[in-house]
Amino acid sequence: MIEDVVPQEARASEAFGPDGAAVLYPEEAALVAAAPNERREEFTTVRGCARRALAALGLPPAPVLPGRRNAPRWPPGVVGSMTHCAGYRAAVLARDGDLMAVGIDAEPHRPLPRGVLEATALPQELAWVRTPPAGAAPLHRDRVLFSAKEAVYKAWYPLVGTELDFEDAVIAFREDGPGAPAGGGPAAGARTGSFRARISRPGAGPDGHPVSALTGRWIVHRGLVVTAVTVPARRSAGGAAPAGGVPGR
């Protein structure tokens, strides 16, 4: 599912239930030693996803520990993001010569709790949310918006090193038409689209270039909303990616 919203340079792994084969490193296990069983399961399974994505990049397994603001710390030369919600866990990784940043989020495809939309949405976004979507199948646009904002913030912080508030990014959405491809092609019944976040408080990426907008894709399927933001690495005139990685890995 998540492969439908990330580019071919990324490696994705997802799970729709507990991964009994996933094993934590001692330093990871210590972080959830006193946590409830459900929290330990999601923590373990999402790290199993991350290690499968590392293997798909041709890299050995490694512990995934939280850094500043709980952003995952990846091995040198790797960028990525993890997410989990009820019934779903996923990780998306890439080499930093291909992508400069990744942010993913998953949410249940249900209306947001009362008050959350008004606290997080800007007027332009509210107009989109409150426009009835085409088609007979329900589309909870409020949840798509919330998930997209989460993905934007999860890509922004490792890329720029500063935090965003909800009002710092205004997001515009497009929905794919019937039969429109997304990534490798979405499953039947999935609804997909793209979005663009315009950042009102621009920052600079690791290569020094300003970052004033981020783009991503979304999919609604199997009772879930999944969103992903990816930032391509800029290439030099000779075709090579610029040296250096993303701060805060």
Protein backbone atom coordinates (compact mmCIF):
# COMPACT_ATOMS: atom_id res chain seq x y z
CA MET A 1 0.00 0.00 0.00
CA ILE A 2 2.65 2.52 1.00
CA GLU A 3 4.69 1.63 -2.09
CA ASP A 4 1.96 3.36 -4.11
CA VAL A 5 2.83 6.77 -2.60
CA VAL A 6 6.65 6.75 -2.60
CA PRO A 7 9.09 7.01 -5.53
CA GLN A 8 11.10 4.10 -6.87
CA GLU A 9 14.25 5.34 -5.11
CA ALA A 10 12.66 4.55 -1.74
CA ARG A 11 12.38 1.15 -0.08
CA ALA A 12 9.20 0.52 1.87
CA SER A 13 8.00 -2.18 4.22
CA GLU A 14 4.63 -2.43 5.97
CA ALA A 15 2.73 -4.75 8.29
CA PHE A 16 -0.99 -4.98 8.98
CA GLY A 17 -0.55 -6.90 12.20
CA PRO A 18 2.08 -8.04 14.73
CA ASP A 19 5.38 -9.26 13.35
CA GLY A 20 6.31 -12.25 15.46
CA ALA A 21 9.69 -12.51 13.75
CA ALA A 22 10.83 -9.00 14.68
CA VAL A 23 13.41 -8.83 17.47
CA LEU A 24 14.61 -5.74 19.30
CA TYR A 25 18.21 -4.83 20.02
CA PRO A 26 18.91 -4.49 23.77
CA GLU A 27 19.07 -0.70 23.57
CA GLU A 28 15.70 -0.66 21.79
CA ALA A 29 14.12 -3.08 24.24
CA ALA A 30 15.17 -0.87 27.13
CA LEU A 31 13.05 1.97 25.75
CA VAL A 32 9.82 -0.03 26.02
CA ALA A 33 10.63 -2.33 28.94
CA ALA A 34 7.88 -0.80 31.08
CA ALA A 35 5.43 -0.07 28.24
CA PRO A 36 2.08 -1.86 27.79
CA ASN A 37 2.06 -4.90 25.51
CA GLU A 38 0.35 -3.02 22.67
CA ARG A 39 3.02 -0.30 22.70
CA ARG A 40 5.84 -2.87 22.73
CA GLU A 41 4.25 -4.70 19.80
CA GLU A 42 3.91 -1.63 17.59
CA PHE A 43 7.43 -0.48 18.55
CA THR A 44 8.85 -3.90 17.67
CA THR A 45 6.89 -4.42 14.47
CA VAL A 46 7.71 -1.01 13.01
CA ARG A 47 11.40 -1.66 13.64
CA GLY A 48 11.03 -4.96 11.86
CA CYS A 49 9.69 -2.95 8.93
CA ALA A 50 12.67 -0.61 9.14
CA ARG A 51 15.16 -3.48 9.07
CA ARG A 52 13.48 -5.00 6.03
CA ALA A 53 13.74 -1.63 4.29
CA LEU A 54 17.43 -1.46 5.23
CA ALA A 55 17.94 -4.92 3.75
CA ALA A 56 16.21 -3.80 0.55
CA LEU A 57 18.81 -1.03 0.35
CA GLY A 58 21.55 -3.65 0.68
CA LEU A 59 22.42 -2.54 4.21
CA PRO A 60 22.83 -4.62 7.39
CA PRO A 61 20.27 -4.45 10.22
CA ALA A 62 20.80 -1.79 12.86
CA PRO A 63 19.01 -0.48 15.94
CA VAL A 64 16.65 2.43 15.36
CA LEU A 65 16.80 4.79 18.32
CA PRO A 66 15.09 8.14 18.81
CA GLY A 67 17.04 11.34 18.36
CA ARG A 68 16.01 14.93 18.89
CA ARG A 69 12.24 15.38 18.95
CA ASN A 70 12.02 11.58 18.67
CA ALA A 71 13.11 11.65 15.02
CA PRO A 72 14.60 8.21 14.22
CA ARG A 73 18.38 8.03 13.97
CA TRP A 74 19.31 6.13 10.82
CA PRO A 75 22.69 4.70 9.75
CA PRO A 76 25.00 7.14 7.92
CA GLY A 77 23.88 7.82 4.38
CA VAL A 78 20.24 6.86 5.04
CA VAL A 79 17.09 8.96 5.46
CA GLY A 80 13.71 7.62 6.38
CA SER A 81 10.54 7.70 8.40
CA MET A 82 8.33 5.30 10.36
CA THR A 83 4.65 5.34 11.27
CA HIS A 84 2.09 3.24 13.09
CA CYS A 85 -1.60 3.32 13.88
CA ALA A 86 -4.19 0.73 14.81
CA GLY A 87 -3.72 -2.21 12.44
CA TYR A 88 -0.80 -0.76 10.48
CA ARG A 89 2.97 -0.16 10.78
CA ALA A 90 5.36 0.99 8.05
CA ALA A 91 8.85 2.29 7.34
CA VAL A 92 10.25 4.00 4.23
CA LEU A 93 13.99 4.48 3.76
CA ALA A 94 16.29 5.75 1.02
CA ARG A 95 19.92 6.56 0.46
CA ASP A 96 20.57 10.26 0.98
CA GLY A 97 22.08 10.52 -2.49
CA ASP A 98 18.62 9.74 -3.88
CA LEU A 99 16.31 11.47 -1.40
CA MET A 100 17.12 14.23 1.08
CA ALA A 101 14.14 13.58 3.34
CA VAL A 102 11.18 11.27 3.88
CA GLY A 103 8.09 11.73 6.04
CA ILE A 104 5.27 9.21 6.27
CA ASP A 105 2.09 8.96 8.31
CA ALA A 106 -0.79 6.49 8.68
CA GLU A 107 -4.18 7.13 10.24
CA PRO A 108 -7.47 5.25 10.52
CA HIS A 109 -9.83 6.42 7.79
CA ARG A 110 -12.34 7.91 10.19
CA PRO A 111 -13.44 11.47 10.97
CA LEU A 112 -11.13 13.37 13.29
CA PRO A 113 -12.17 13.74 16.92
CA ARG A 114 -14.23 16.82 17.66
CA GLY A 115 -12.19 20.02 17.73
CA VAL A 116 -9.03 18.64 16.10
CA LEU A 117 -9.79 19.94 12.60
CA GLU A 118 -10.51 23.47 13.79
CA ALA A 119 -7.29 23.46 15.83
CA THR A 120 -5.06 22.31 12.97
CA ALA A 121 -6.57 23.48 9.67
CA LEU A 122 -6.15 26.83 7.91
CA PRO A 123 -9.06 28.52 6.09
CA GLN A 124 -7.91 27.36 2.64
CA GLU A 125 -7.68 23.79 3.93
CA LEU A 126 -11.08 23.94 5.61
CA ALA A 127 -12.62 24.91 2.27
CA TRP A 128 -11.25 21.72 0.69
CA VAL A 129 -12.25 19.53 3.63
CA ARG A 130 -15.82 20.83 3.56
CA THR A 131 -16.28 20.38 -0.18
CA PRO A 132 -18.19 17.13 -0.76
CA PRO A 133 -15.89 14.66 -2.53
CA ALA A 134 -16.91 13.05 -5.81
CA GLY A 135 -17.84 9.40 -5.88
CA ALA A 136 -20.03 7.18 -3.76
CA ALA A 137 -17.30 5.88 -1.45
CA PRO A 138 -16.69 7.99 1.66
CA LEU A 139 -13.56 10.13 1.83
CA HIS A 140 -12.80 11.66 5.20
CA ARG A 141 -10.89 14.66 3.95
CA ASP A 142 -10.26 15.93 7.46
CA ARG A 143 -8.23 12.81 8.21
CA VAL A 144 -6.37 13.03 4.89
CA LEU A 145 -5.42 16.63 5.74
CA PHE A 146 -4.28 15.73 9.24
CA SER A 147 -2.16 12.83 7.97
CA ALA A 148 -0.58 14.99 5.25
CA LYS A 149 0.38 17.61 7.86
CA GLU A 150 2.00 14.93 9.98
CA ALA A 151 4.00 13.66 6.99
CA VAL A 152 5.10 17.21 6.13
CA TYR A 153 6.37 17.85 9.64
CA LYS A 154 8.14 14.48 9.81
CA ALA A 155 10.01 15.29 6.59
CA TRP A 156 10.69 18.93 7.50
CA TYR A 157 12.39 18.54 10.86
CA PRO A 158 15.24 16.20 9.77
CA LEU A 159 15.65 18.19 6.54
CA VAL A 160 15.79 21.72 7.97
CA GLY A 161 16.35 21.20 11.68
CA THR A 162 13.56 23.50 12.85
CA GLU A 163 10.01 22.81 13.95
CA LEU A 164 6.78 23.77 12.22
CA ASP A 165 3.45 24.64 13.77
CA PHE A 166 0.22 23.61 12.08
CA GLU A 167 -0.29 27.12 10.75
CA ASP A 168 3.16 27.20 9.13
CA ALA A 169 2.18 24.92 6.23
CA VAL A 170 -0.87 25.34 4.02
CA ILE A 171 -1.66 22.22 2.00
CA ALA A 172 -3.47 21.96 -1.33
CA PHE A 173 -4.77 18.60 -2.56
CA ARG A 174 -5.56 16.86 -5.82
CA GLU A 175 -7.36 13.55 -6.24
CA ASP A 176 -6.39 11.20 -9.04
CA GLY A 177 -9.05 10.41 -11.59
CA PRO A 178 -10.44 6.89 -12.04
CA GLY A 179 -7.71 4.50 -13.11
CA ALA A 180 -4.93 7.09 -12.59
CA PRO A 181 -1.70 5.36 -11.57
CA ALA A 182 0.13 6.10 -8.34
CA GLY A 183 3.57 4.57 -7.94
CA GLY A 184 3.34 0.96 -9.08
CA GLY A 185 -0.46 1.24 -9.41
CA PRO A 186 -2.95 1.28 -6.53
CA ALA A 187 -5.17 -1.65 -5.66
CA ALA A 188 -8.75 -1.72 -6.87
CA GLY A 189 -10.96 0.48 -4.76
CA ALA A 190 -8.15 2.67 -3.49
CA ARG A 191 -8.46 6.45 -3.71
CA THR A 192 -5.22 8.30 -4.36
CA GLY A 193 -3.96 11.78 -4.97
CA SER A 194 -1.19 14.28 -4.42
CA PHE A 195 -0.64 17.33 -2.25
CA ARG A 196 1.64 20.33 -2.02
CA ALA A 197 2.54 22.09 1.22
CA ARG A 198 3.55 25.73 0.97
CA ILE A 199 5.72 26.64 3.95
CA SER A 200 5.27 30.12 5.35
CA ARG A 201 8.44 29.91 7.44
CA PRO A 202 11.04 28.72 4.88
CA GLY A 203 14.30 27.12 5.92
CA ALA A 204 17.35 25.70 4.19
CA GLY A 205 18.14 22.09 3.43
CA PRO A 206 21.50 20.38 4.04
CA ASP A 207 22.73 21.59 0.65
CA GLY A 208 22.01 25.22 1.57
CA HIS A 209 19.12 25.61 -0.87
CA PRO A 210 15.94 27.21 0.50
CA VAL A 211 12.98 24.93 1.18
CA SER A 212 9.65 26.69 0.80
CA ALA A 213 7.40 23.82 -0.34
CA LEU A 214 7.11 20.05 0.01
CA THR A 215 5.12 17.64 -2.12
CA GLY A 216 3.64 14.25 -1.39
CA ARG A 217 1.04 11.63 -2.20
CA TRP A 218 -1.86 10.06 -0.33
CA ILE A 219 -3.84 6.85 -0.54
CA VAL A 220 -7.05 5.71 1.17
CA HIS A 221 -7.51 1.94 1.22
CA ARG A 222 -8.31 -0.89 3.63
CA GLY A 223 -9.76 1.54 6.16
CA LEU A 224 -6.53 3.54 6.34
CA VAL A 225 -5.12 6.88 5.20
CA VAL A 226 -1.42 6.75 4.30
CA THR A 227 0.56 9.82 3.26
CA ALA A 228 4.17 10.31 2.22
CA VAL A 229 6.42 13.29 1.56
CA THR A 230 9.73 12.75 -0.22
CA VAL A 231 12.38 15.31 -1.15
CA PRO A 232 14.64 14.37 -4.09
CA ALA A 233 18.37 14.95 -3.72
CA ARG A 234 19.63 17.69 -6.00
CA ARG A 235 22.18 16.61 -8.56
CA SER A 236 25.29 18.50 -9.53
CA ALA A 237 25.97 19.47 -13.13
CA GLY A 238 27.98 16.25 -13.51
CA GLY A 239 25.04 14.16 -12.38
CA ALA A 240 26.37 13.24 -8.95
CA ALA A 241 24.44 13.92 -5.80
CA PRO A 242 25.92 16.60 -3.54
CA ALA A 243 28.08 15.39 -0.71
CA GLY A 244 26.78 15.31 2.82
CA GLY A 245 23.78 13.88 4.59
CA VAL A 246 20.71 15.08 6.39
CA PRO A 247 21.26 16.57 9.85
CA GLY A 248 19.69 14.80 12.79
CA ARG A 249 19.73 11.25 11.44
